[in-house]
Amino acid sequence: MSTPDQAAFEERLLRRIPVEIAVAAAVLGLAAALLFDPATGLFVLAGGLFSALGFTWLKQSLTRFLAKGVQGARRSGVVLYALRLVLICAVFFLIILVYPKKILAFVAGFSTVVPVTLAVAVRGLLQLKKWKD
């Protein structure tokens, strides 16, 4: 069971992740625009923003579904994840059809969620005064 202080700490960390994803994608997008071309930088930025939006949507929907109870959360969660997977595949398919040479730039931006989440988790662990209950 978490205390109110722990819950507030965790909520602060979870709120920071989408913002830091967007910032990291903007930095990487600027670097890609300078190194390659502006379109590549734009796709890196778009991938990061799409990833941040997806993280926010997932966090909000999980909170809402978990409030329904176990059985309702399972059914709604399966539908949500299926819809989310279809939407992600649709975005990737559209980019592959329209801009096939820029898909790696979009994937690079979309993947910023991994190092950002890892960095926020490490910073959060370092800020904890007590690691065990």
C-alpha atoms as a PDB file:
ATOM      1  CA  MET A   1       0.000   0.000   0.000  1.00  0.00           C
ATOM      2  CA  SER A   2       1.404   3.366  -0.904  1.00  0.00           C
ATOM      3  CA  THR A   3       1.254   6.424   1.269  1.00  0.00           C
ATOM      4  CA  PRO A   4      -0.129   9.736  -0.015  1.00  0.00           C
ATOM      5  CA  ASP A   5       3.425  11.075  -0.290  1.00  0.00           C
ATOM      6  CA  GLN A   6       4.484   8.091  -2.401  1.00  0.00           C
ATOM      7  CA  ALA A   7       1.414   8.422  -4.605  1.00  0.00           C
ATOM      8  CA  ALA A   8       2.106  12.124  -5.179  1.00  0.00           C
ATOM      9  CA  PHE A   9       5.762  11.341  -5.952  1.00  0.00           C
ATOM     10  CA  GLU A  10       4.781   8.642  -8.449  1.00  0.00           C
ATOM     11  CA  GLU A  11       2.182  10.906 -10.071  1.00  0.00           C
ATOM     12  CA  ARG A  12       4.784  13.665 -10.490  1.00  0.00           C
ATOM     13  CA  LEU A  13       7.143  11.212 -12.178  1.00  0.00           C
ATOM     14  CA  LEU A  14       4.410   9.940 -14.496  1.00  0.00           C
ATOM     15  CA  ARG A  15       3.408  13.498 -15.444  1.00  0.00           C
ATOM     16  CA  ARG A  16       7.023  14.320 -16.346  1.00  0.00           C
ATOM     17  CA  ILE A  17       7.481  11.451 -18.794  1.00  0.00           C
ATOM     18  CA  PRO A  18       5.381  12.831 -21.708  1.00  0.00           C
ATOM     19  CA  VAL A  19       6.937  16.275 -21.313  1.00  0.00           C
ATOM     20  CA  GLU A  20      10.437  14.838 -21.329  1.00  0.00           C
ATOM     21  CA  ILE A  21       9.594  12.654 -24.339  1.00  0.00           C
ATOM     22  CA  ALA A  22       8.516  15.755 -26.252  1.00  0.00           C
ATOM     23  CA  VAL A  23      11.650  17.659 -25.208  1.00  0.00           C
ATOM     24  CA  ALA A  24      13.951  14.768 -26.142  1.00  0.00           C
ATOM     25  CA  ALA A  25      12.180  14.372 -29.489  1.00  0.00           C
ATOM     26  CA  ALA A  26      12.540  18.097 -30.163  1.00  0.00           C
ATOM     27  CA  VAL A  27      16.273  17.975 -29.430  1.00  0.00           C
ATOM     28  CA  LEU A  28      16.732  14.864 -31.561  1.00  0.00           C
ATOM     29  CA  GLY A  29      14.558  16.377 -34.299  1.00  0.00           C
ATOM     30  CA  LEU A  30      16.669  19.517 -34.370  1.00  0.00           C
ATOM     31  CA  ALA A  31      19.853  17.452 -34.546  1.00  0.00           C
ATOM     32  CA  ALA A  32      18.392  15.311 -37.345  1.00  0.00           C
ATOM     33  CA  ALA A  33      17.298  18.415 -39.250  1.00  0.00           C
ATOM     34  CA  LEU A  34      20.809  19.821 -39.026  1.00  0.00           C
ATOM     35  CA  LEU A  35      22.548  16.542 -39.871  1.00  0.00           C
ATOM     36  CA  PHE A  36      20.197  15.268 -42.588  1.00  0.00           C
ATOM     37  CA  ASP A  37      17.311  17.418 -43.773  1.00  0.00           C
ATOM     38  CA  PRO A  38      14.356  19.306 -42.262  1.00  0.00           C
ATOM     39  CA  ALA A  39      11.867  16.580 -43.221  1.00  0.00           C
ATOM     40  CA  THR A  40      13.832  13.985 -41.253  1.00  0.00           C
ATOM     41  CA  GLY A  41      13.892  16.272 -38.233  1.00  0.00           C
ATOM     42  CA  LEU A  42      10.152  16.802 -38.549  1.00  0.00           C
ATOM     43  CA  PHE A  43       9.509  13.058 -38.627  1.00  0.00           C
ATOM     44  CA  VAL A  44      11.676  12.498 -35.552  1.00  0.00           C
ATOM     45  CA  LEU A  45       9.726  15.217 -33.742  1.00  0.00           C
ATOM     46  CA  ALA A  46       6.384  13.817 -34.943  1.00  0.00           C
ATOM     47  CA  GLY A  47       7.318  10.340 -33.733  1.00  0.00           C
ATOM     48  CA  GLY A  48       8.237  11.666 -30.301  1.00  0.00           C
ATOM     49  CA  LEU A  49       5.067  13.724 -30.008  1.00  0.00           C
ATOM     50  CA  PHE A  50       2.977  10.728 -31.082  1.00  0.00           C
ATOM     51  CA  SER A  51       4.752   8.636 -28.444  1.00  0.00           C
ATOM     52  CA  ALA A  52       4.123  11.275 -25.737  1.00  0.00           C
ATOM     53  CA  LEU A  53       0.464  11.474 -26.720  1.00  0.00           C
ATOM     54  CA  GLY A  54       0.184   7.692 -26.613  1.00  0.00           C
ATOM     55  CA  PHE A  55       1.796   7.551 -23.170  1.00  0.00           C
ATOM     56  CA  THR A  56      -0.620  10.181 -21.844  1.00  0.00           C
ATOM     57  CA  TRP A  57      -3.619   8.406 -23.348  1.00  0.00           C
ATOM     58  CA  LEU A  58      -2.508   5.061 -21.932  1.00  0.00           C
ATOM     59  CA  LYS A  59      -1.961   6.497 -18.451  1.00  0.00           C
ATOM     60  CA  GLN A  60      -5.371   8.185 -18.362  1.00  0.00           C
ATOM     61  CA  SER A  61      -7.238   5.198 -19.728  1.00  0.00           C
ATOM     62  CA  LEU A  62      -5.568   2.736 -17.354  1.00  0.00           C
ATOM     63  CA  THR A  63      -6.478   4.920 -14.397  1.00  0.00           C
ATOM     64  CA  ARG A  64     -10.082   5.068 -15.591  1.00  0.00           C
ATOM     65  CA  PHE A  65     -10.301   1.334 -16.317  1.00  0.00           C
ATOM     66  CA  LEU A  66      -8.752   0.255 -13.033  1.00  0.00           C
ATOM     67  CA  ALA A  67     -11.411   2.256 -11.199  1.00  0.00           C
ATOM     68  CA  LYS A  68     -14.097  -0.017 -12.739  1.00  0.00           C
ATOM     69  CA  GLY A  69     -12.970  -3.167 -10.960  1.00  0.00           C
ATOM     70  CA  VAL A  70     -11.087  -6.228 -12.107  1.00  0.00           C
ATOM     71  CA  GLN A  71     -13.611  -7.740 -14.540  1.00  0.00           C
ATOM     72  CA  GLY A  72     -14.511  -4.430 -16.211  1.00  0.00           C
ATOM     73  CA  ALA A  73     -10.849  -3.471 -16.408  1.00  0.00           C
ATOM     74  CA  ARG A  74      -9.937  -6.687 -18.206  1.00  0.00           C
ATOM     75  CA  ARG A  75     -12.598  -6.338 -20.875  1.00  0.00           C
ATOM     76  CA  SER A  76     -12.022  -2.630 -21.411  1.00  0.00           C
ATOM     77  CA  GLY A  77      -8.266  -3.056 -21.260  1.00  0.00           C
ATOM     78  CA  VAL A  78      -8.227  -5.691 -24.003  1.00  0.00           C
ATOM     79  CA  VAL A  79     -10.370  -3.493 -26.250  1.00  0.00           C
ATOM     80  CA  LEU A  80      -8.218  -0.448 -25.499  1.00  0.00           C
ATOM     81  CA  TYR A  81      -4.951  -2.232 -26.252  1.00  0.00           C
ATOM     82  CA  ALA A  82      -6.362  -3.690 -29.474  1.00  0.00           C
ATOM     83  CA  LEU A  83      -7.548  -0.251 -30.582  1.00  0.00           C
ATOM     84  CA  ARG A  84      -4.227   1.277 -29.629  1.00  0.00           C
ATOM     85  CA  LEU A  85      -2.314  -1.343 -31.606  1.00  0.00           C
ATOM     86  CA  VAL A  86      -4.526  -0.791 -34.651  1.00  0.00           C
ATOM     87  CA  LEU A  87      -4.015   2.988 -34.471  1.00  0.00           C
ATOM     88  CA  ILE A  88      -0.241   2.659 -34.138  1.00  0.00           C
ATOM     89  CA  CYS A  89      -0.104   0.220 -37.055  1.00  0.00           C
ATOM     90  CA  ALA A  90      -2.284   2.564 -39.125  1.00  0.00           C
ATOM     91  CA  VAL A  91       0.065   5.495 -38.502  1.00  0.00           C
ATOM     92  CA  PHE A  92       3.113   3.433 -39.418  1.00  0.00           C
ATOM     93  CA  PHE A  93       1.384   2.042 -42.510  1.00  0.00           C
ATOM     94  CA  LEU A  94       0.394   5.544 -43.642  1.00  0.00           C
ATOM     95  CA  ILE A  95       3.946   6.820 -43.232  1.00  0.00           C
ATOM     96  CA  ILE A  96       5.325   3.808 -45.096  1.00  0.00           C
ATOM     97  CA  LEU A  97       2.897   4.454 -47.960  1.00  0.00           C
ATOM     98  CA  VAL A  98       3.431   8.205 -48.214  1.00  0.00           C
ATOM     99  CA  TYR A  99       7.035   8.691 -47.025  1.00  0.00           C
ATOM    100  CA  PRO A 100       8.763   5.281 -47.068  1.00  0.00           C
ATOM    101  CA  LYS A 101      12.260   6.745 -46.658  1.00  0.00           C
ATOM    102  CA  LYS A 102      11.303   8.616 -43.471  1.00  0.00           C
ATOM    103  CA  ILE A 103       9.927   5.687 -41.483  1.00  0.00           C
ATOM    104  CA  LEU A 104      13.206   5.205 -39.585  1.00  0.00           C
ATOM    105  CA  ALA A 105      13.152   8.851 -38.526  1.00  0.00           C
ATOM    106  CA  PHE A 106       9.607   8.421 -37.200  1.00  0.00           C
ATOM    107  CA  VAL A 107      10.618   5.213 -35.395  1.00  0.00           C
ATOM    108  CA  ALA A 108      13.586   7.008 -33.820  1.00  0.00           C
ATOM    109  CA  GLY A 109      11.282   9.706 -32.465  1.00  0.00           C
ATOM    110  CA  PHE A 110       8.640   7.161 -31.413  1.00  0.00           C
ATOM    111  CA  SER A 111      11.307   5.202 -29.525  1.00  0.00           C
ATOM    112  CA  THR A 112      12.326   8.130 -27.322  1.00  0.00           C
ATOM    113  CA  VAL A 113       9.836   6.809 -24.776  1.00  0.00           C
ATOM    114  CA  VAL A 114      12.273   4.037 -23.815  1.00  0.00           C
ATOM    115  CA  PRO A 115      15.357   6.058 -22.781  1.00  0.00           C
ATOM    116  CA  VAL A 116      13.225   8.827 -21.278  1.00  0.00           C
ATOM    117  CA  THR A 117      11.249   6.380 -19.131  1.00  0.00           C
ATOM    118  CA  LEU A 118      14.477   4.705 -18.048  1.00  0.00           C
ATOM    119  CA  ALA A 119      16.051   8.056 -17.144  1.00  0.00           C
ATOM    120  CA  VAL A 120      12.986   9.177 -15.170  1.00  0.00           C
ATOM    121  CA  ALA A 121      12.910   5.839 -13.332  1.00  0.00           C
ATOM    122  CA  VAL A 122      16.594   6.081 -12.408  1.00  0.00           C
ATOM    123  CA  ARG A 123      16.169   9.679 -11.227  1.00  0.00           C
ATOM    124  CA  GLY A 124      13.117   8.629  -9.219  1.00  0.00           C
ATOM    125  CA  LEU A 125      15.024   5.806  -7.551  1.00  0.00           C
ATOM    126  CA  LEU A 126      17.888   8.140  -6.732  1.00  0.00           C
ATOM    127  CA  GLN A 127      15.459  10.584  -5.114  1.00  0.00           C
ATOM    128  CA  LEU A 128      13.931   7.945  -2.868  1.00  0.00           C
ATOM    129  CA  LYS A 129      15.143   8.150   0.668  1.00  0.00           C
ATOM    130  CA  LYS A 130      13.889   4.703   1.541  1.00  0.00           C
ATOM    131  CA  TRP A 131      14.070   1.867  -0.999  1.00  0.00           C
ATOM    132  CA  LYS A 132      12.214  -0.754   1.069  1.00  0.00           C
ATOM    133  CA  ASP A 133       9.280  -0.662   3.464  1.00  0.00           C
END
